[in-house]
């Protein structure tokens, strides 16, 4: 079976995934979400990221799952702290985060991909 991402069993295609977590200041959720969306779009365009999914949990916790073509591309983006060209998006995003709560929870090569892109 061909995976939705194009990863082939036994092939040399690689995909890298990263999971991030933030705590958002109460009342600034919409600002964070918009800044995150705009910033993620710029990261894809400027650094070669493959996009991300943002999840909202309880008590202001957010988690995002991001895909990259490989670890080297992600590391290159991290060298600049993903400093993209949308300064306003970065301001919106950073102002909405509780200080010192951003963390990378997990970063690793994808070995199987059965996630399908579906839109409601």
C-alpha atoms as a PDB file:
ATOM      1  CA  UNK A   1       0.000   0.000   0.000  1.00  0.00           C
ATOM      2  CA  UNK A   2       1.320   3.425  -0.909  1.00  0.00           C
ATOM      3  CA  UNK A   3       1.213   5.844   1.988  1.00  0.00           C
ATOM      4  CA  UNK A   4      -0.469   9.249   1.561  1.00  0.00           C
ATOM      5  CA  UNK A   5       2.882  10.991   2.040  1.00  0.00           C
ATOM      6  CA  UNK A   6       4.551   9.018  -0.724  1.00  0.00           C
ATOM      7  CA  UNK A   7       6.784   7.050   1.643  1.00  0.00           C
ATOM      8  CA  UNK A   8       7.359   3.647   0.141  1.00  0.00           C
ATOM      9  CA  UNK A   9       7.997   0.524   2.155  1.00  0.00           C
ATOM     10  CA  UNK A  10      11.689  -0.274   1.934  1.00  0.00           C
ATOM     11  CA  UNK A  11      12.322   2.863  -0.132  1.00  0.00           C
ATOM     12  CA  UNK A  12      14.761   5.645   0.511  1.00  0.00           C
ATOM     13  CA  UNK A  13      12.172   8.390   0.940  1.00  0.00           C
ATOM     14  CA  UNK A  14      12.444  10.043   4.326  1.00  0.00           C
ATOM     15  CA  UNK A  15      10.071  12.193   6.293  1.00  0.00           C
ATOM     16  CA  UNK A  16      10.808  13.872   9.612  1.00  0.00           C
ATOM     17  CA  UNK A  17       8.148  14.794  12.172  1.00  0.00           C
ATOM     18  CA  UNK A  18       8.306  17.111  15.155  1.00  0.00           C
ATOM     19  CA  UNK A  19       5.856  17.639  18.005  1.00  0.00           C
ATOM     20  CA  UNK A  20       5.801  21.003  19.792  1.00  0.00           C
ATOM     21  CA  UNK A  21       3.899  22.192  22.868  1.00  0.00           C
ATOM     22  CA  UNK A  22       2.920  25.643  24.158  1.00  0.00           C
ATOM     23  CA  UNK A  23       0.849  27.123  26.941  1.00  0.00           C
ATOM     24  CA  UNK A  24      -1.188  30.103  25.729  1.00  0.00           C
ATOM     25  CA  UNK A  25      -2.180  33.126  27.799  1.00  0.00           C
ATOM     26  CA  UNK A  26      -5.921  32.954  28.597  1.00  0.00           C
ATOM     27  CA  UNK A  27      -7.857  35.247  26.260  1.00  0.00           C
ATOM     28  CA  UNK A  28      -5.138  35.266  23.572  1.00  0.00           C
ATOM     29  CA  UNK A  29      -6.027  31.947  21.927  1.00  0.00           C
ATOM     30  CA  UNK A  30      -7.346  33.478  18.680  1.00  0.00           C
ATOM     31  CA  UNK A  31      -4.251  35.693  18.401  1.00  0.00           C
ATOM     32  CA  UNK A  32      -1.968  32.698  18.939  1.00  0.00           C
ATOM     33  CA  UNK A  33      -3.840  30.577  16.400  1.00  0.00           C
ATOM     34  CA  UNK A  34      -3.713  33.267  13.707  1.00  0.00           C
ATOM     35  CA  UNK A  35      -0.036  34.028  14.356  1.00  0.00           C
ATOM     36  CA  UNK A  36       0.771  30.301  14.336  1.00  0.00           C
ATOM     37  CA  UNK A  37      -1.100  29.793  11.050  1.00  0.00           C
ATOM     38  CA  UNK A  38       0.568  32.710   9.282  1.00  0.00           C
ATOM     39  CA  UNK A  39       3.982  31.771  10.653  1.00  0.00           C
ATOM     40  CA  UNK A  40       3.590  28.132   9.660  1.00  0.00           C
ATOM     41  CA  UNK A  41       2.675  29.174   6.117  1.00  0.00           C
ATOM     42  CA  UNK A  42       5.850  31.311   5.924  1.00  0.00           C
ATOM     43  CA  UNK A  43       7.989  28.494   7.381  1.00  0.00           C
ATOM     44  CA  UNK A  44       6.722  26.161   4.661  1.00  0.00           C
ATOM     45  CA  UNK A  45       7.444  28.707   1.940  1.00  0.00           C
ATOM     46  CA  UNK A  46      10.812  29.916   3.251  1.00  0.00           C
ATOM     47  CA  UNK A  47      12.328  26.852   4.946  1.00  0.00           C
ATOM     48  CA  UNK A  48      10.784  23.920   3.121  1.00  0.00           C
ATOM     49  CA  UNK A  49       8.555  22.620   5.898  1.00  0.00           C
ATOM     50  CA  UNK A  50       5.666  20.410   4.815  1.00  0.00           C
ATOM     51  CA  UNK A  51       3.104  22.016   7.089  1.00  0.00           C
ATOM     52  CA  UNK A  52       1.673  21.320  10.491  1.00  0.00           C
ATOM     53  CA  UNK A  53      -1.474  20.521  12.432  1.00  0.00           C
ATOM     54  CA  UNK A  54      -2.352  22.538  15.525  1.00  0.00           C
ATOM     55  CA  UNK A  55      -4.295  20.922  18.355  1.00  0.00           C
ATOM     56  CA  UNK A  56      -5.949  22.759  21.251  1.00  0.00           C
ATOM     57  CA  UNK A  57      -6.099  20.939  24.562  1.00  0.00           C
ATOM     58  CA  UNK A  58      -7.414  21.856  27.963  1.00  0.00           C
ATOM     59  CA  UNK A  59      -6.264  24.748  30.144  1.00  0.00           C
ATOM     60  CA  UNK A  60      -4.585  26.693  27.318  1.00  0.00           C
ATOM     61  CA  UNK A  61      -2.319  23.886  26.132  1.00  0.00           C
ATOM     62  CA  UNK A  62      -1.574  23.621  22.414  1.00  0.00           C
ATOM     63  CA  UNK A  63       0.331  20.914  20.574  1.00  0.00           C
ATOM     64  CA  UNK A  64       1.434  20.957  16.938  1.00  0.00           C
ATOM     65  CA  UNK A  65       2.600  18.116  14.743  1.00  0.00           C
ATOM     66  CA  UNK A  66       4.881  19.338  11.938  1.00  0.00           C
ATOM     67  CA  UNK A  67       6.266  17.448   8.970  1.00  0.00           C
ATOM     68  CA  UNK A  68       9.582  18.048   7.248  1.00  0.00           C
ATOM     69  CA  UNK A  69      11.200  16.342   4.261  1.00  0.00           C
ATOM     70  CA  UNK A  70      14.163  15.309   6.439  1.00  0.00           C
ATOM     71  CA  UNK A  71      15.997  16.122   9.652  1.00  0.00           C
ATOM     72  CA  UNK A  72      18.604  18.288   7.900  1.00  0.00           C
ATOM     73  CA  UNK A  73      15.919  20.640   6.539  1.00  0.00           C
ATOM     74  CA  UNK A  74      14.374  20.975  10.008  1.00  0.00           C
ATOM     75  CA  UNK A  75      17.758  21.589  11.656  1.00  0.00           C
ATOM     76  CA  UNK A  76      18.592  24.268   9.085  1.00  0.00           C
ATOM     77  CA  UNK A  77      15.315  26.038   9.899  1.00  0.00           C
ATOM     78  CA  UNK A  78      16.011  25.718  13.637  1.00  0.00           C
ATOM     79  CA  UNK A  79      19.419  27.382  13.245  1.00  0.00           C
ATOM     80  CA  UNK A  80      17.589  30.680  12.729  1.00  0.00           C
ATOM     81  CA  UNK A  81      14.826  29.742  15.192  1.00  0.00           C
ATOM     82  CA  UNK A  82      12.624  29.649  12.074  1.00  0.00           C
ATOM     83  CA  UNK A  83      12.919  33.411  11.719  1.00  0.00           C
ATOM     84  CA  UNK A  84      10.547  33.876   8.774  1.00  0.00           C
ATOM     85  CA  UNK A  85       9.586  37.103   6.997  1.00  0.00           C
ATOM     86  CA  UNK A  86       6.196  37.728   8.681  1.00  0.00           C
ATOM     87  CA  UNK A  87       7.196  39.856  11.662  1.00  0.00           C
ATOM     88  CA  UNK A  88       3.582  40.575  12.616  1.00  0.00           C
ATOM     89  CA  UNK A  89       2.734  36.860  12.776  1.00  0.00           C
ATOM     90  CA  UNK A  90       5.776  36.262  14.983  1.00  0.00           C
ATOM     91  CA  UNK A  91       4.735  39.117  17.307  1.00  0.00           C
ATOM     92  CA  UNK A  92       1.164  37.780  17.563  1.00  0.00           C
ATOM     93  CA  UNK A  93       2.369  34.279  18.291  1.00  0.00           C
ATOM     94  CA  UNK A  94       5.044  35.179  20.820  1.00  0.00           C
ATOM     95  CA  UNK A  95       2.899  37.648  22.776  1.00  0.00           C
ATOM     96  CA  UNK A  96       0.272  34.949  23.259  1.00  0.00           C
ATOM     97  CA  UNK A  97       2.603  32.301  24.696  1.00  0.00           C
ATOM     98  CA  UNK A  98       3.100  31.951  28.444  1.00  0.00           C
ATOM     99  CA  UNK A  99       6.845  32.629  28.927  1.00  0.00           C
ATOM    100  CA  UNK A 100       9.119  29.576  29.031  1.00  0.00           C
ATOM    101  CA  UNK A 101       6.392  27.098  28.051  1.00  0.00           C
ATOM    102  CA  UNK A 102       7.424  26.323  24.465  1.00  0.00           C
ATOM    103  CA  UNK A 103       9.031  22.914  24.108  1.00  0.00           C
ATOM    104  CA  UNK A 104       9.898  20.377  21.466  1.00  0.00           C
ATOM    105  CA  UNK A 105       8.396  17.152  22.761  1.00  0.00           C
ATOM    106  CA  UNK A 106       9.626  14.795  20.063  1.00  0.00           C
ATOM    107  CA  UNK A 107      11.565  14.874  16.785  1.00  0.00           C
ATOM    108  CA  UNK A 108      12.226  11.761  14.724  1.00  0.00           C
ATOM    109  CA  UNK A 109      12.198  10.119  11.316  1.00  0.00           C
ATOM    110  CA  UNK A 110       8.851   8.713  10.231  1.00  0.00           C
ATOM    111  CA  UNK A 111       9.052   4.962   9.683  1.00  0.00           C
ATOM    112  CA  UNK A 112       5.418   4.361   8.674  1.00  0.00           C
ATOM    113  CA  UNK A 113       2.850   6.868   7.476  1.00  0.00           C
ATOM    114  CA  UNK A 114      -0.793   5.888   7.394  1.00  0.00           C
ATOM    115  CA  UNK A 115      -2.219   9.368   7.974  1.00  0.00           C
ATOM    116  CA  UNK A 116      -4.470  10.476   5.132  1.00  0.00           C
ATOM    117  CA  UNK A 117      -5.297  14.078   4.367  1.00  0.00           C
ATOM    118  CA  UNK A 118      -9.054  14.430   4.599  1.00  0.00           C
ATOM    119  CA  UNK A 119     -11.091  17.593   4.785  1.00  0.00           C
ATOM    120  CA  UNK A 120     -14.635  17.707   6.235  1.00  0.00           C
END
